[in-house]
Amino acid sequence: MKRSRAAHRVQVQPLATSSLCFLWNMNLLIAYSTTRR
């Protein structure tokens, strides 16, 4: 049980980091477009 849980965590972590990077990029894009106007 512990082993499968660790594997699940390893699979989920990169997905969370990638989604965080995506959100950060979206925020930068929005800020850039608003300041550009």
PDB file of N, CA and C in Angstrom:
ATOM      1  N   MET A   1       0.843  -1.207   0.000  1.00  0.00           N
ATOM      2  CA  MET A   1       0.000   0.000   0.000  1.00  0.00           C
ATOM      3  C   MET A   1       0.880   1.260   0.000  1.00  0.00           C
ATOM      4  N   LYS A   2       1.863   1.266   0.906  1.00  0.00           N
ATOM      5  CA  LYS A   2       2.748   2.442   0.958  1.00  0.00           C
ATOM      6  C   LYS A   2       3.433   2.662  -0.395  1.00  0.00           C
ATOM      7  N   ARG A   3       3.845   1.535  -1.001  1.00  0.00           N
ATOM      8  CA  ARG A   3       4.581   1.632  -2.260  1.00  0.00           C
ATOM      9  C   ARG A   3       3.719   2.281  -3.349  1.00  0.00           C
ATOM     10  N   SER A   4       2.492   1.834  -3.497  1.00  0.00           N
ATOM     11  CA  SER A   4       1.622   2.388  -4.547  1.00  0.00           C
ATOM     12  C   SER A   4       1.349   3.877  -4.270  1.00  0.00           C
ATOM     13  N   ARG A   5       1.224   4.211  -3.012  1.00  0.00           N
ATOM     14  CA  ARG A   5       0.970   5.609  -2.647  1.00  0.00           C
ATOM     15  C   ARG A   5       2.150   6.489  -3.086  1.00  0.00           C
ATOM     16  N   ALA A   6       3.368   6.000  -2.862  1.00  0.00           N
ATOM     17  CA  ALA A   6       4.559   6.759  -3.258  1.00  0.00           C
ATOM     18  C   ALA A   6       4.578   6.920  -4.779  1.00  0.00           C
ATOM     19  N   ALA A   7       4.253   5.861  -5.504  1.00  0.00           N
ATOM     20  CA  ALA A   7       4.231   5.921  -6.971  1.00  0.00           C
ATOM     21  C   ALA A   7       3.201   6.951  -7.424  1.00  0.00           C
ATOM     22  N   HIS A   8       2.049   6.966  -6.776  1.00  0.00           N
ATOM     23  CA  HIS A   8       0.997   7.927  -7.126  1.00  0.00           C
ATOM     24  C   HIS A   8       1.503   9.350  -6.916  1.00  0.00           C
ATOM     25  N   ARG A   9       2.191   9.564  -5.817  1.00  0.00           N
ATOM     26  CA  ARG A   9       2.707  10.905  -5.514  1.00  0.00           C
ATOM     27  C   ARG A   9       3.721  11.324  -6.585  1.00  0.00           C
ATOM     28  N   VAL A  10       4.586  10.391  -6.984  1.00  0.00           N
ATOM     29  CA  VAL A  10       5.609  10.691  -7.996  1.00  0.00           C
ATOM     30  C   VAL A  10       4.940  11.059  -9.321  1.00  0.00           C
ATOM     31  N   GLN A  11       3.826  10.390  -9.648  1.00  0.00           N
ATOM     32  CA  GLN A  11       3.129  10.678 -10.903  1.00  0.00           C
ATOM     33  C   GLN A  11       2.412  12.028 -10.837  1.00  0.00           C
ATOM     34  N   VAL A  12       1.888  12.380  -9.679  1.00  0.00           N
ATOM     35  CA  VAL A  12       1.095  13.610  -9.550  1.00  0.00           C
ATOM     36  C   VAL A  12       1.970  14.860  -9.483  1.00  0.00           C
ATOM     37  N   GLN A  13       3.130  14.763  -8.858  1.00  0.00           N
ATOM     38  CA  GLN A  13       3.964  15.954  -8.647  1.00  0.00           C
ATOM     39  C   GLN A  13       4.287  16.720  -9.933  1.00  0.00           C
ATOM     40  N   PRO A  14       4.838  16.074 -10.985  1.00  0.00           N
ATOM     41  CA  PRO A  14       5.170  16.824 -12.210  1.00  0.00           C
ATOM     42  C   PRO A  14       3.952  17.490 -12.816  1.00  0.00           C
ATOM     43  N   LEU A  15       2.797  16.857 -12.732  1.00  0.00           N
ATOM     44  CA  LEU A  15       1.568  17.438 -13.285  1.00  0.00           C
ATOM     45  C   LEU A  15       1.236  18.733 -12.549  1.00  0.00           C
ATOM     46  N   ALA A  16       1.356  18.720 -11.233  1.00  0.00           N
ATOM     47  CA  ALA A  16       1.042  19.917 -10.442  1.00  0.00           C
ATOM     48  C   ALA A  16       2.020  21.041 -10.775  1.00  0.00           C
ATOM     49  N   THR A  17       3.298  20.711 -10.913  1.00  0.00           N
ATOM     50  CA  THR A  17       4.295  21.737 -11.208  1.00  0.00           C
ATOM     51  C   THR A  17       4.060  22.324 -12.593  1.00  0.00           C
ATOM     52  N   SER A  18       3.703  21.469 -13.555  1.00  0.00           N
ATOM     53  CA  SER A  18       3.465  21.963 -14.919  1.00  0.00           C
ATOM     54  C   SER A  18       2.245  22.875 -14.940  1.00  0.00           C
ATOM     55  N   SER A  19       1.206  22.509 -14.208  1.00  0.00           N
ATOM     56  CA  SER A  19      -0.002  23.345 -14.171  1.00  0.00           C
ATOM     57  C   SER A  19       0.317  24.678 -13.493  1.00  0.00           C
ATOM     58  N   LEU A  20       1.175  24.641 -12.476  1.00  0.00           N
ATOM     59  CA  LEU A  20       1.569  25.877 -11.793  1.00  0.00           C
ATOM     60  C   LEU A  20       2.327  26.783 -12.756  1.00  0.00           C
ATOM     61  N   CYS A  21       3.237  26.184 -13.524  1.00  0.00           N
ATOM     62  CA  CYS A  21       3.998  26.978 -14.504  1.00  0.00           C
ATOM     63  C   CYS A  21       3.047  27.579 -15.532  1.00  0.00           C
ATOM     64  N   PHE A  22       2.047  26.787 -15.937  1.00  0.00           N
ATOM     65  CA  PHE A  22       1.078  27.277 -16.931  1.00  0.00           C
ATOM     66  C   PHE A  22       0.308  28.478 -16.378  1.00  0.00           C
ATOM     67  N   LEU A  23      -0.140  28.355 -15.135  1.00  0.00           N
ATOM     68  CA  LEU A  23      -0.880  29.461 -14.509  1.00  0.00           C
ATOM     69  C   LEU A  23       0.016  30.697 -14.399  1.00  0.00           C
ATOM     70  N   TRP A  24       1.276  30.490 -14.019  1.00  0.00           N
ATOM     71  CA  TRP A  24       2.215  31.611 -13.883  1.00  0.00           C
ATOM     72  C   TRP A  24       2.397  32.308 -15.224  1.00  0.00           C
ATOM     73  N   ASN A  25       2.533  31.505 -16.296  1.00  0.00           N
ATOM     74  CA  ASN A  25       2.698  32.078 -17.636  1.00  0.00           C
ATOM     75  C   ASN A  25       1.464  32.870 -18.040  1.00  0.00           C
ATOM     76  N   MET A  26       0.289  32.345 -17.713  1.00  0.00           N
ATOM     77  CA  MET A  26      -0.959  33.047 -18.057  1.00  0.00           C
ATOM     78  C   MET A  26      -1.001  34.387 -17.320  1.00  0.00           C
ATOM     79  N   ASN A  27      -0.621  34.392 -16.046  1.00  0.00           N
ATOM     80  CA  ASN A  27      -0.608  35.636 -15.271  1.00  0.00           C
ATOM     81  C   ASN A  27       0.338  36.651 -15.900  1.00  0.00           C
ATOM     82  N   LEU A  28       1.511  36.183 -16.317  1.00  0.00           N
ATOM     83  CA  LEU A  28       2.486  37.088 -16.946  1.00  0.00           C
ATOM     84  C   LEU A  28       1.917  37.650 -18.243  1.00  0.00           C
ATOM     85  N   LEU A  29       1.274  36.804 -19.033  1.00  0.00           N
ATOM     86  CA  LEU A  29       0.699  37.253 -20.304  1.00  0.00           C
ATOM     87  C   LEU A  29      -0.366  38.305 -20.056  1.00  0.00           C
ATOM     88  N   ILE A  30      -1.240  38.055 -19.089  1.00  0.00           N
ATOM     89  CA  ILE A  30      -2.326  39.005 -18.785  1.00  0.00           C
ATOM     90  C   ILE A  30      -1.737  40.339 -18.314  1.00  0.00           C
ATOM     91  N   ALA A  31      -0.775  40.262 -17.421  1.00  0.00           N
ATOM     92  CA  ALA A  31      -0.148  41.492 -16.913  1.00  0.00           C
ATOM     93  C   ALA A  31       0.527  42.242 -18.058  1.00  0.00           C
ATOM     94  N   TYR A  32       1.188  41.521 -18.932  1.00  0.00           N
ATOM     95  CA  TYR A  32       1.881  42.160 -20.057  1.00  0.00           C
ATOM     96  C   TYR A  32       0.879  42.855 -20.979  1.00  0.00           C
ATOM     97  N   SER A  33      -0.215  42.178 -21.296  1.00  0.00           N
ATOM     98  CA  SER A  33      -1.213  42.771 -22.205  1.00  0.00           C
ATOM     99  C   SER A  33      -1.878  43.989 -21.553  1.00  0.00           C
ATOM    100  N   THR A  34      -2.110  43.945 -20.250  1.00  0.00           N
ATOM    101  CA  THR A  34      -2.776  45.063 -19.570  1.00  0.00           C
ATOM    102  C   THR A  34      -1.831  46.265 -19.492  1.00  0.00           C
ATOM    103  N   THR A  35      -0.549  46.016 -19.238  1.00  0.00           N
ATOM    104  CA  THR A  35       0.402  47.127 -19.129  1.00  0.00           C
ATOM    105  C   THR A  35       0.688  47.697 -20.520  1.00  0.00           C
ATOM    106  N   ARG A  36       0.599  46.860 -21.531  1.00  0.00           N
ATOM    107  CA  ARG A  36       0.892  47.309 -22.905  1.00  0.00           C
ATOM    108  C   ARG A  36      -0.175  48.293 -23.397  1.00  0.00           C
ATOM    109  N   ARG A  37      -1.430  48.078 -22.956  1.00  0.00           N
ATOM    110  CA  ARG A  37      -2.545  48.883 -23.469  1.00  0.00           C
ATOM    111  C   ARG A  37      -2.353  50.368 -23.221  1.00  0.00           C
TER     112      ARG A  37
END
